[in-house]
Amino acid sequence: MPVNQVWCTDITYFPRGKGHFYLVAIMDWFSCKVLSWRISNTMDVYFCKSALEEALLNYGNPEIFNSVQECQFTSKEFIECLKQARVKISMDGRGRCHNNIFIERL
């Protein structure tokens, strides 16, 4: 599988006082390189979309984009960004984190 063929994404969080910081990362499956990331104090779609747009701008368009079925990645805004870039969308079944193992190990 060549570089830039399949990308993946996920969100994790870090405790902060009475709340959390959320980290989204976009990663290339083949190289395991983090292409883009963002930190936010909310889990809205915009920090995820911003990370995706930066990765697309800096690395071009992958063939396939894999994610879990979280609302940020199934949102109209995020899906439209992928469709405009002509990227095939792959979403893991609920509870199937092993399909996205590369980003889970990050």
PDB file of N, CA and C in Angstrom:
ATOM      1  N   MET A   1       0.860  -1.181   0.000  1.00  0.00           N
ATOM      2  CA  MET A   1       0.000   0.000   0.000  1.00  0.00           C
ATOM      3  C   MET A   1       0.905   1.243   0.000  1.00  0.00           C
ATOM      4  N   PRO A   2       0.842   2.067  -1.019  1.00  0.00           N
ATOM      5  CA  PRO A   2       1.704   3.247  -1.088  1.00  0.00           C
ATOM      6  C   PRO A   2       1.267   4.370  -0.145  1.00  0.00           C
ATOM      7  N   VAL A   3       2.217   5.259   0.111  1.00  0.00           N
ATOM      8  CA  VAL A   3       1.931   6.451   0.916  1.00  0.00           C
ATOM      9  C   VAL A   3       0.818   7.243   0.253  1.00  0.00           C
ATOM     10  N   ASN A   4      -0.021   7.861   1.054  1.00  0.00           N
ATOM     11  CA  ASN A   4      -1.090   8.750   0.602  1.00  0.00           C
ATOM     12  C   ASN A   4      -2.241   8.013  -0.089  1.00  0.00           C
ATOM     13  N   GLN A   5      -2.339   6.707   0.109  1.00  0.00           N
ATOM     14  CA  GLN A   5      -3.466   5.971  -0.458  1.00  0.00           C
ATOM     15  C   GLN A   5      -4.622   5.928   0.532  1.00  0.00           C
ATOM     16  N   VAL A   6      -4.322   5.634   1.805  1.00  0.00           N
ATOM     17  CA  VAL A   6      -5.358   5.545   2.836  1.00  0.00           C
ATOM     18  C   VAL A   6      -4.950   6.400   4.027  1.00  0.00           C
ATOM     19  N   TRP A   7      -5.864   7.272   4.440  1.00  0.00           N
ATOM     20  CA  TRP A   7      -5.683   8.055   5.665  1.00  0.00           C
ATOM     21  C   TRP A   7      -6.713   7.596   6.684  1.00  0.00           C
ATOM     22  N   CYS A   8      -6.431   7.890   7.944  1.00  0.00           N
ATOM     23  CA  CYS A   8      -7.387   7.582   9.005  1.00  0.00           C
ATOM     24  C   CYS A   8      -7.409   8.730  10.012  1.00  0.00           C
ATOM     25  N   THR A   9      -8.433   8.732  10.843  1.00  0.00           N
ATOM     26  CA  THR A   9      -8.572   9.776  11.852  1.00  0.00           C
ATOM     27  C   THR A   9      -9.272   9.232  13.084  1.00  0.00           C
ATOM     28  N   ASP A  10      -9.056   9.901  14.191  1.00  0.00           N
ATOM     29  CA  ASP A  10      -9.783   9.606  15.425  1.00  0.00           C
ATOM     30  C   ASP A  10      -9.598  10.778  16.376  1.00  0.00           C
ATOM     31  N   ILE A  11     -10.408  10.770  17.422  1.00  0.00           N
ATOM     32  CA  ILE A  11     -10.354  11.804  18.461  1.00  0.00           C
ATOM     33  C   ILE A  11     -10.026  11.134  19.787  1.00  0.00           C
ATOM     34  N   THR A  12      -9.158  11.762  20.547  1.00  0.00           N
ATOM     35  CA  THR A  12      -8.903  11.332  21.918  1.00  0.00           C
ATOM     36  C   THR A  12      -9.025  12.558  22.813  1.00  0.00           C
ATOM     37  N   TYR A  13      -8.970  12.351  24.114  1.00  0.00           N
ATOM     38  CA  TYR A  13      -9.118  13.487  25.024  1.00  0.00           C
ATOM     39  C   TYR A  13      -8.117  13.401  26.162  1.00  0.00           C
ATOM     40  N   PHE A  14      -7.854  14.572  26.742  1.00  0.00           N
ATOM     41  CA  PHE A  14      -6.964  14.700  27.890  1.00  0.00           C
ATOM     42  C   PHE A  14      -7.708  15.458  28.974  1.00  0.00           C
ATOM     43  N   PRO A  15      -7.737  14.941  30.205  1.00  0.00           N
ATOM     44  CA  PRO A  15      -8.402  15.660  31.298  1.00  0.00           C
ATOM     45  C   PRO A  15      -7.743  17.020  31.539  1.00  0.00           C
ATOM     46  N   ARG A  16      -8.570  18.004  31.850  1.00  0.00           N
ATOM     47  CA  ARG A  16      -8.080  19.350  32.148  1.00  0.00           C
ATOM     48  C   ARG A  16      -9.011  19.944  33.195  1.00  0.00           C
ATOM     49  N   GLY A  17      -8.577  19.952  34.439  1.00  0.00           N
ATOM     50  CA  GLY A  17      -9.418  20.500  35.497  1.00  0.00           C
ATOM     51  C   GLY A  17     -10.758  19.798  35.535  1.00  0.00           C
ATOM     52  N   LYS A  18     -11.820  20.565  35.337  1.00  0.00           N
ATOM     53  CA  LYS A  18     -13.172  19.993  35.334  1.00  0.00           C
ATOM     54  C   LYS A  18     -13.662  19.649  33.926  1.00  0.00           C
ATOM     55  N   GLY A  19     -12.777  19.732  32.960  1.00  0.00           N
ATOM     56  CA  GLY A  19     -13.171  19.448  31.578  1.00  0.00           C
ATOM     57  C   GLY A  19     -12.121  18.618  30.864  1.00  0.00           C
ATOM     58  N   HIS A  20     -12.090  18.750  29.545  1.00  0.00           N
ATOM     59  CA  HIS A  20     -11.160  17.990  28.717  1.00  0.00           C
ATOM     60  C   HIS A  20     -10.655  18.845  27.561  1.00  0.00           C
ATOM     61  N   PHE A  21      -9.484  18.492  27.071  1.00  0.00           N
ATOM     62  CA  PHE A  21      -9.009  18.941  25.771  1.00  0.00           C
ATOM     63  C   PHE A  21      -9.207  17.765  24.827  1.00  0.00           C
ATOM     64  N   TYR A  22      -9.597  18.042  23.601  1.00  0.00           N
ATOM     65  CA  TYR A  22      -9.811  16.998  22.606  1.00  0.00           C
ATOM     66  C   TYR A  22      -8.772  17.146  21.500  1.00  0.00           C
ATOM     67  N   LEU A  23      -8.198  16.040  21.087  1.00  0.00           N
ATOM     68  CA  LEU A  23      -7.182  16.013  20.043  1.00  0.00           C
ATOM     69  C   LEU A  23      -7.692  15.164  18.888  1.00  0.00           C
ATOM     70  N   VAL A  24      -7.684  15.737  17.694  1.00  0.00           N
ATOM     71  CA  VAL A  24      -7.992  14.970  16.486  1.00  0.00           C
ATOM     72  C   VAL A  24      -6.707  14.909  15.664  1.00  0.00           C
ATOM     73  N   ALA A  25      -6.444  13.750  15.080  1.00  0.00           N
ATOM     74  CA  ALA A  25      -5.261  13.576  14.238  1.00  0.00           C
ATOM     75  C   ALA A  25      -5.671  12.912  12.931  1.00  0.00           C
ATOM     76  N   ILE A  26      -5.009  13.321  11.856  1.00  0.00           N
ATOM     77  CA  ILE A  26      -5.163  12.705  10.540  1.00  0.00           C
ATOM     78  C   ILE A  26      -3.834  12.000  10.268  1.00  0.00           C
ATOM     79  N   MET A  27      -3.881  10.708   9.943  1.00  0.00           N
ATOM     80  CA  MET A  27      -2.659   9.929   9.795  1.00  0.00           C
ATOM     81  C   MET A  27      -2.684   9.105   8.510  1.00  0.00           C
ATOM     82  N   ASP A  28      -1.520   8.952   7.893  1.00  0.00           N
ATOM     83  CA  ASP A  28      -1.363   8.091   6.723  1.00  0.00           C
ATOM     84  C   ASP A  28      -1.139   6.656   7.198  1.00  0.00           C
ATOM     85  N   TRP A  29      -1.914   5.703   6.682  1.00  0.00           N
ATOM     86  CA  TRP A  29      -1.808   4.301   7.116  1.00  0.00           C
ATOM     87  C   TRP A  29      -0.446   3.695   6.805  1.00  0.00           C
ATOM     88  N   PHE A  30       0.084   3.948   5.631  1.00  0.00           N
ATOM     89  CA  PHE A  30       1.323   3.289   5.212  1.00  0.00           C
ATOM     90  C   PHE A  30       2.526   3.785   6.000  1.00  0.00           C
ATOM     91  N   SER A  31       2.692   5.084   6.074  1.00  0.00           N
ATOM     92  CA  SER A  31       3.865   5.654   6.751  1.00  0.00           C
ATOM     93  C   SER A  31       3.654   5.844   8.248  1.00  0.00           C
ATOM     94  N   CYS A  32       2.399   5.804   8.694  1.00  0.00           N
ATOM     95  CA  CYS A  32       2.021   6.094  10.098  1.00  0.00           C
ATOM     96  C   CYS A  32       2.408   7.515  10.504  1.00  0.00           C
ATOM     97  N   LYS A  33       2.563   8.381   9.526  1.00  0.00           N
ATOM     98  CA  LYS A  33       2.899   9.782   9.782  1.00  0.00           C
ATOM     99  C   LYS A  33       1.630  10.566  10.102  1.00  0.00           C
ATOM    100  N   VAL A  34       1.696  11.381  11.143  1.00  0.00           N
ATOM    101  CA  VAL A  34       0.589  12.292  11.446  1.00  0.00           C
ATOM    102  C   VAL A  34       0.687  13.454  10.467  1.00  0.00           C
ATOM    103  N   LEU A  35      -0.333  13.615   9.655  1.00  0.00           N
ATOM    104  CA  LEU A  35      -0.335  14.634   8.608  1.00  0.00           C
ATOM    105  C   LEU A  35      -0.859  15.970   9.108  1.00  0.00           C
ATOM    106  N   SER A  36      -1.726  15.907  10.107  1.00  0.00           N
ATOM    107  CA  SER A  36      -2.352  17.119  10.633  1.00  0.00           C
ATOM    108  C   SER A  36      -2.998  16.783  11.968  1.00  0.00           C
ATOM    109  N   TRP A  37      -3.118  17.788  12.846  1.00  0.00           N
ATOM    110  CA  TRP A  37      -3.806  17.590  14.119  1.00  0.00           C
ATOM    111  C   TRP A  37      -4.328  18.923  14.630  1.00  0.00           C
ATOM    112  N   ARG A  38      -5.301  18.837  15.497  1.00  0.00           N
ATOM    113  CA  ARG A  38      -5.888  20.020  16.138  1.00  0.00           C
ATOM    114  C   ARG A  38      -6.267  19.667  17.574  1.00  0.00           C
ATOM    115  N   ILE A  39      -6.232  20.671  18.429  1.00  0.00           N
ATOM    116  CA  ILE A  39      -6.696  20.539  19.810  1.00  0.00           C
ATOM    117  C   ILE A  39      -7.831  21.530  20.009  1.00  0.00           C
ATOM    118  N   SER A  40      -8.859  21.098  20.742  1.00  0.00           N
ATOM    119  CA  SER A  40     -10.015  21.954  21.007  1.00  0.00           C
ATOM    120  C   SER A  40     -10.555  21.653  22.397  1.00  0.00           C
ATOM    121  N   ASN A  41     -11.295  22.610  22.936  1.00  0.00           N
ATOM    122  CA  ASN A  41     -11.965  22.361  24.220  1.00  0.00           C
ATOM    123  C   ASN A  41     -13.413  21.920  24.002  1.00  0.00           C
ATOM    124  N   THR A  42     -13.825  21.791  22.743  1.00  0.00           N
ATOM    125  CA  THR A  42     -15.145  21.244  22.403  1.00  0.00           C
ATOM    126  C   THR A  42     -14.956  20.183  21.324  1.00  0.00           C
ATOM    127  N   MET A  43     -15.918  19.291  21.207  1.00  0.00           N
ATOM    128  CA  MET A  43     -15.834  18.229  20.195  1.00  0.00           C
ATOM    129  C   MET A  43     -16.682  18.559  18.968  1.00  0.00           C
ATOM    130  N   ASP A  44     -16.612  19.792  18.512  1.00  0.00           N
ATOM    131  CA  ASP A  44     -17.414  20.151  17.342  1.00  0.00           C
ATOM    132  C   ASP A  44     -16.735  19.683  16.053  1.00  0.00           C
ATOM    133  N   VAL A  45     -17.472  19.717  14.979  1.00  0.00           N
ATOM    134  CA  VAL A  45     -16.966  19.244  13.698  1.00  0.00           C
ATOM    135  C   VAL A  45     -15.871  20.155  13.141  1.00  0.00           C
ATOM    136  N   TYR A  46     -15.861  21.409  13.519  1.00  0.00           N
ATOM    137  CA  TYR A  46     -14.988  22.377  12.866  1.00  0.00           C
ATOM    138  C   TYR A  46     -13.511  22.145  13.136  1.00  0.00           C
ATOM    139  N   PHE A  47     -13.146  21.670  14.323  1.00  0.00           N
ATOM    140  CA  PHE A  47     -11.721  21.414  14.548  1.00  0.00           C
ATOM    141  C   PHE A  47     -11.286  20.149  13.796  1.00  0.00           C
ATOM    142  N   CYS A  48     -12.198  19.215  13.593  1.00  0.00           N
ATOM    143  CA  CYS A  48     -11.906  18.022  12.795  1.00  0.00           C
ATOM    144  C   CYS A  48     -11.779  18.382  11.318  1.00  0.00           C
ATOM    145  N   LYS A  49     -12.692  19.195  10.839  1.00  0.00           N
ATOM    146  CA  LYS A  49     -12.673  19.617   9.435  1.00  0.00           C
ATOM    147  C   LYS A  49     -11.430  20.457   9.144  1.00  0.00           C
ATOM    148  N   SER A  50     -11.031  21.287  10.087  1.00  0.00           N
ATOM    149  CA  SER A  50      -9.832  22.102   9.924  1.00  0.00           C
ATOM    150  C   SER A  50      -8.588  21.226   9.771  1.00  0.00           C
ATOM    151  N   ALA A  51      -8.489  20.173  10.573  1.00  0.00           N
ATOM    152  CA  ALA A  51      -7.358  19.241  10.461  1.00  0.00           C
ATOM    153  C   ALA A  51      -7.375  18.544   9.103  1.00  0.00           C
ATOM    154  N   LEU A  52      -8.552  18.126   8.651  1.00  0.00           N
ATOM    155  CA  LEU A  52      -8.682  17.479   7.345  1.00  0.00           C
ATOM    156  C   LEU A  52      -8.267  18.424   6.224  1.00  0.00           C
ATOM    157  N   GLU A  53      -8.750  19.647   6.263  1.00  0.00           N
ATOM    158  CA  GLU A  53      -8.426  20.624   5.212  1.00  0.00           C
ATOM    159  C   GLU A  53      -6.925  20.887   5.150  1.00  0.00           C
ATOM    160  N   GLU A  54      -6.271  20.976   6.304  1.00  0.00           N
ATOM    161  CA  GLU A  54      -4.822  21.194   6.317  1.00  0.00           C
ATOM    162  C   GLU A  54      -4.091  20.008   5.690  1.00  0.00           C
ATOM    163  N   ALA A  55      -4.502  18.791   6.040  1.00  0.00           N
ATOM    164  CA  ALA A  55      -3.862  17.600   5.474  1.00  0.00           C
ATOM    165  C   ALA A  55      -4.055  17.546   3.958  1.00  0.00           C
ATOM    166  N   LEU A  56      -5.259  17.833   3.491  1.00  0.00           N
ATOM    167  CA  LEU A  56      -5.528  17.840   2.050  1.00  0.00           C
ATOM    168  C   LEU A  56      -4.681  18.892   1.342  1.00  0.00           C
ATOM    169  N   LEU A  57      -4.558  20.055   1.935  1.00  0.00           N
ATOM    170  CA  LEU A  57      -3.775  21.139   1.347  1.00  0.00           C
ATOM    171  C   LEU A  57      -2.290  20.778   1.259  1.00  0.00           C
ATOM    172  N   ASN A  58      -1.763  20.181   2.319  1.00  0.00           N
ATOM    173  CA  ASN A  58      -0.327  19.903   2.386  1.00  0.00           C
ATOM    174  C   ASN A  58       0.103  18.589   1.741  1.00  0.00           C
ATOM    175  N   TYR A  59      -0.805  17.612   1.646  1.00  0.00           N
ATOM    176  CA  TYR A  59      -0.411  16.286   1.172  1.00  0.00           C
ATOM    177  C   TYR A  59      -1.216  15.785  -0.024  1.00  0.00           C
ATOM    178  N   GLY A  60      -2.163  16.556  -0.500  1.00  0.00           N
ATOM    179  CA  GLY A  60      -2.987  16.105  -1.617  1.00  0.00           C
ATOM    180  C   GLY A  60      -4.134  15.236  -1.133  1.00  0.00           C
ATOM    181  N   ASN A  61      -4.777  14.553  -2.044  1.00  0.00           N
ATOM    182  CA  ASN A  61      -5.966  13.767  -1.710  1.00  0.00           C
ATOM    183  C   ASN A  61      -5.635  12.284  -1.626  1.00  0.00           C
ATOM    184  N   PRO A  62      -5.997  11.638  -0.528  1.00  0.00           N
ATOM    185  CA  PRO A  62      -5.816  10.190  -0.472  1.00  0.00           C
ATOM    186  C   PRO A  62      -6.897   9.514  -1.312  1.00  0.00           C
ATOM    187  N   GLU A  63      -6.712   8.244  -1.564  1.00  0.00           N
ATOM    188  CA  GLU A  63      -7.746   7.489  -2.267  1.00  0.00           C
ATOM    189  C   GLU A  63      -8.918   7.193  -1.330  1.00  0.00           C
ATOM    190  N   ILE A  64      -8.580   6.800  -0.084  1.00  0.00           N
ATOM    191  CA  ILE A  64      -9.577   6.366   0.902  1.00  0.00           C
ATOM    192  C   ILE A  64      -9.336   7.087   2.220  1.00  0.00           C
ATOM    193  N   PHE A  65     -10.426   7.450   2.895  1.00  0.00           N
ATOM    194  CA  PHE A  65     -10.344   8.069   4.220  1.00  0.00           C
ATOM    195  C   PHE A  65     -11.154   7.216   5.186  1.00  0.00           C
ATOM    196  N   ASN A  66     -10.498   6.658   6.211  1.00  0.00           N
ATOM    197  CA  ASN A  66     -11.149   5.779   7.173  1.00  0.00           C
ATOM    198  C   ASN A  66     -11.334   6.481   8.509  1.00  0.00           C
ATOM    199  N   SER A  67     -12.522   6.318   9.086  1.00  0.00           N
ATOM    200  CA  SER A  67     -12.799   6.892  10.405  1.00  0.00           C
ATOM    201  C   SER A  67     -13.796   6.018  11.144  1.00  0.00           C
ATOM    202  N   VAL A  68     -13.963   6.326  12.400  1.00  0.00           N
ATOM    203  CA  VAL A  68     -15.026   5.709  13.189  1.00  0.00           C
ATOM    204  C   VAL A  68     -16.304   6.499  12.919  1.00  0.00           C
ATOM    205  N   GLN A  69     -17.432   5.991  13.393  1.00  0.00           N
ATOM    206  CA  GLN A  69     -18.715   6.641  13.125  1.00  0.00           C
ATOM    207  C   GLN A  69     -19.093   7.638  14.221  1.00  0.00           C
ATOM    208  N   GLU A  70     -18.179   8.524  14.568  1.00  0.00           N
ATOM    209  CA  GLU A  70     -18.508   9.587  15.517  1.00  0.00           C
ATOM    210  C   GLU A  70     -19.187  10.716  14.758  1.00  0.00           C
ATOM    211  N   CYS A  71     -20.010  11.477  15.455  1.00  0.00           N
ATOM    212  CA  CYS A  71     -20.835  12.498  14.792  1.00  0.00           C
ATOM    213  C   CYS A  71     -20.007  13.533  14.033  1.00  0.00           C
ATOM    214  N   GLN A  72     -18.799  13.817  14.477  1.00  0.00           N
ATOM    215  CA  GLN A  72     -17.964  14.791  13.767  1.00  0.00           C
ATOM    216  C   GLN A  72     -17.629  14.293  12.361  1.00  0.00           C
ATOM    217  N   PHE A  73     -17.359  12.989  12.240  1.00  0.00           N
ATOM    218  CA  PHE A  73     -16.938  12.419  10.962  1.00  0.00           C
ATOM    219  C   PHE A  73     -18.107  12.027  10.065  1.00  0.00           C
ATOM    220  N   THR A  74     -19.302  11.943  10.633  1.00  0.00           N
ATOM    221  CA  THR A  74     -20.494  11.654   9.826  1.00  0.00           C
ATOM    222  C   THR A  74     -21.288  12.922   9.525  1.00  0.00           C
ATOM    223  N   SER A  75     -20.795  14.064   9.990  1.00  0.00           N
ATOM    224  CA  SER A  75     -21.506  15.330   9.782  1.00  0.00           C
ATOM    225  C   SER A  75     -21.504  15.719   8.305  1.00  0.00           C
ATOM    226  N   LYS A  76     -22.487  16.495   7.932  1.00  0.00           N
ATOM    227  CA  LYS A  76     -22.612  16.974   6.553  1.00  0.00           C
ATOM    228  C   LYS A  76     -21.359  17.739   6.129  1.00  0.00           C
ATOM    229  N   GLU A  77     -20.845  18.596   7.003  1.00  0.00           N
ATOM    230  CA  GLU A  77     -19.681  19.425   6.680  1.00  0.00           C
ATOM    231  C   GLU A  77     -18.441  18.579   6.399  1.00  0.00           C
ATOM    232  N   PHE A  78     -18.192  17.581   7.236  1.00  0.00           N
ATOM    233  CA  PHE A  78     -17.003  16.740   7.088  1.00  0.00           C
ATOM    234  C   PHE A  78     -17.115  15.870   5.838  1.00  0.00           C
ATOM    235  N   ILE A  79     -18.274  15.243   5.649  1.00  0.00           N
ATOM    236  CA  ILE A  79     -18.505  14.387   4.481  1.00  0.00           C
ATOM    237  C   ILE A  79     -18.391  15.194   3.188  1.00  0.00           C
ATOM    238  N   GLU A  80     -18.939  16.397   3.182  1.00  0.00           N
ATOM    239  CA  GLU A  80     -18.883  17.244   1.987  1.00  0.00           C
ATOM    240  C   GLU A  80     -17.443  17.599   1.629  1.00  0.00           C
ATOM    241  N   CYS A  81     -16.621  17.849   2.626  1.00  0.00           N
ATOM    242  CA  CYS A  81     -15.205  18.151   2.393  1.00  0.00           C
ATOM    243  C   CYS A  81     -14.516  16.969   1.696  1.00  0.00           C
ATOM    244  N   LEU A  82     -14.797  15.758   2.152  1.00  0.00           N
ATOM    245  CA  LEU A  82     -14.225  14.561   1.524  1.00  0.00           C
ATOM    246  C   LEU A  82     -14.762  14.362   0.110  1.00  0.00           C
ATOM    247  N   LYS A  83     -16.058  14.577  -0.077  1.00  0.00           N
ATOM    248  CA  LYS A  83     -16.658  14.405  -1.405  1.00  0.00           C
ATOM    249  C   LYS A  83     -16.090  15.406  -2.402  1.00  0.00           C
ATOM    250  N   GLN A  84     -15.908  16.649  -1.978  1.00  0.00           N
ATOM    251  CA  GLN A  84     -15.342  17.668  -2.868  1.00  0.00           C
ATOM    252  C   GLN A  84     -13.922  17.306  -3.288  1.00  0.00           C
ATOM    253  N   ALA A  85     -13.203  16.627  -2.397  1.00  0.00           N
ATOM    254  CA  ALA A  85     -11.837  16.197  -2.704  1.00  0.00           C
ATOM    255  C   ALA A  85     -11.819  14.867  -3.461  1.00  0.00           C
ATOM    256  N   ARG A  86     -13.009  14.308  -3.716  1.00  0.00           N
ATOM    257  CA  ARG A  86     -13.168  13.031  -4.432  1.00  0.00           C
ATOM    258  C   ARG A  86     -12.436  11.884  -3.726  1.00  0.00           C
ATOM    259  N   VAL A  87     -12.626  11.830  -2.410  1.00  0.00           N
ATOM    260  CA  VAL A  87     -12.021  10.792  -1.578  1.00  0.00           C
ATOM    261  C   VAL A  87     -13.095   9.765  -1.226  1.00  0.00           C
ATOM    262  N   LYS A  88     -12.772   8.486  -1.358  1.00  0.00           N
ATOM    263  CA  LYS A  88     -13.697   7.418  -0.959  1.00  0.00           C
ATOM    264  C   LYS A  88     -13.766   7.377   0.561  1.00  0.00           C
ATOM    265  N   ILE A  89     -14.967   7.245   1.093  1.00  0.00           N
ATOM    266  CA  ILE A  89     -15.181   7.277   2.538  1.00  0.00           C
ATOM    267  C   ILE A  89     -15.369   5.858   3.060  1.00  0.00           C
ATOM    268  N   SER A  90     -14.593   5.518   4.083  1.00  0.00           N
ATOM    269  CA  SER A  90     -14.691   4.216   4.738  1.00  0.00           C
ATOM    270  C   SER A  90     -14.920   4.467   6.225  1.00  0.00           C
ATOM    271  N   MET A  91     -16.008   3.932   6.755  1.00  0.00           N
ATOM    272  CA  MET A  91     -16.296   4.098   8.185  1.00  0.00           C
ATOM    273  C   MET A  91     -16.429   2.738   8.839  1.00  0.00           C
ATOM    274  N   ASP A  92     -15.744   2.593   9.955  1.00  0.00           N
ATOM    275  CA  ASP A  92     -15.806   1.350  10.716  1.00  0.00           C
ATOM    276  C   ASP A  92     -17.187   1.162  11.304  1.00  0.00           C
ATOM    277  N   GLY A  93     -17.573  -0.092  11.458  1.00  0.00           N
ATOM    278  CA  GLY A  93     -18.813  -0.388  12.159  1.00  0.00           C
ATOM    279  C   GLY A  93     -18.690   0.019  13.620  1.00  0.00           C
ATOM    280  N   ARG A  94     -19.774   0.314  14.238  1.00  0.00           N
ATOM    281  CA  ARG A  94     -19.748   0.721  15.645  1.00  0.00           C
ATOM    282  C   ARG A  94     -19.066  -0.351  16.482  1.00  0.00           C
ATOM    283  N   GLY A  95     -18.139   0.106  17.348  1.00  0.00           N
ATOM    284  CA  GLY A  95     -17.418  -0.804  18.221  1.00  0.00           C
ATOM    285  C   GLY A  95     -16.329  -1.607  17.523  1.00  0.00           C
ATOM    286  N   ARG A  96     -15.961  -1.230  16.305  1.00  0.00           N
ATOM    287  CA  ARG A  96     -14.953  -1.961  15.530  1.00  0.00           C
ATOM    288  C   ARG A  96     -13.649  -1.186  15.469  1.00  0.00           C
ATOM    289  N   CYS A  97     -13.108  -0.818  16.614  1.00  0.00           N
ATOM    290  CA  CYS A  97     -11.892   0.005  16.660  1.00  0.00           C
ATOM    291  C   CYS A  97     -10.691  -0.695  16.027  1.00  0.00           C
ATOM    292  N   HIS A  98     -10.704  -2.027  15.920  1.00  0.00           N
ATOM    293  CA  HIS A  98      -9.569  -2.740  15.340  1.00  0.00           C
ATOM    294  C   HIS A  98      -9.402  -2.437  13.857  1.00  0.00           C
ATOM    295  N   ASN A  99     -10.459  -2.006  13.192  1.00  0.00           N
ATOM    296  CA  ASN A  99     -10.353  -1.620  11.784  1.00  0.00           C
ATOM    297  C   ASN A  99      -9.533  -0.348  11.622  1.00  0.00           C
ATOM    298  N   ASN A 100      -9.422   0.432  12.672  1.00  0.00           N
ATOM    299  CA  ASN A 100      -8.704   1.704  12.639  1.00  0.00           C
ATOM    300  C   ASN A 100      -7.509   1.638  13.590  1.00  0.00           C
ATOM    301  N   ILE A 101      -6.856   0.479  13.635  1.00  0.00           N
ATOM    302  CA  ILE A 101      -5.832   0.199  14.634  1.00  0.00           C
ATOM    303  C   ILE A 101      -4.639   1.146  14.557  1.00  0.00           C
ATOM    304  N   PHE A 102      -4.293   1.629  13.371  1.00  0.00           N
ATOM    305  CA  PHE A 102      -3.116   2.489  13.243  1.00  0.00           C
ATOM    306  C   PHE A 102      -3.278   3.776  14.041  1.00  0.00           C
ATOM    307  N   ILE A 103      -4.422   4.408  13.931  1.00  0.00           N
ATOM    308  CA  ILE A 103      -4.659   5.652  14.666  1.00  0.00           C
ATOM    309  C   ILE A 103      -4.905   5.369  16.144  1.00  0.00           C
ATOM    310  N   GLU A 104      -5.465   4.212  16.471  1.00  0.00           N
ATOM    311  CA  GLU A 104      -5.695   3.853  17.873  1.00  0.00           C
ATOM    312  C   GLU A 104      -4.381   3.699  18.625  1.00  0.00           C
ATOM    313  N   ARG A 105      -3.329   3.300  17.943  1.00  0.00           N
ATOM    314  CA  ARG A 105      -2.013   3.114  18.573  1.00  0.00           C
ATOM    315  C   ARG A 105      -1.256   4.416  18.743  1.00  0.00           C
ATOM    316  N   LEU A 106      -1.721   5.463  18.133  1.00  0.00           N
ATOM    317  CA  LEU A 106      -1.031   6.756  18.178  1.00  0.00           C
ATOM    318  C   LEU A 106      -0.947   7.293  19.582  1.00  0.00           C
TER     319      LEU A 106
END
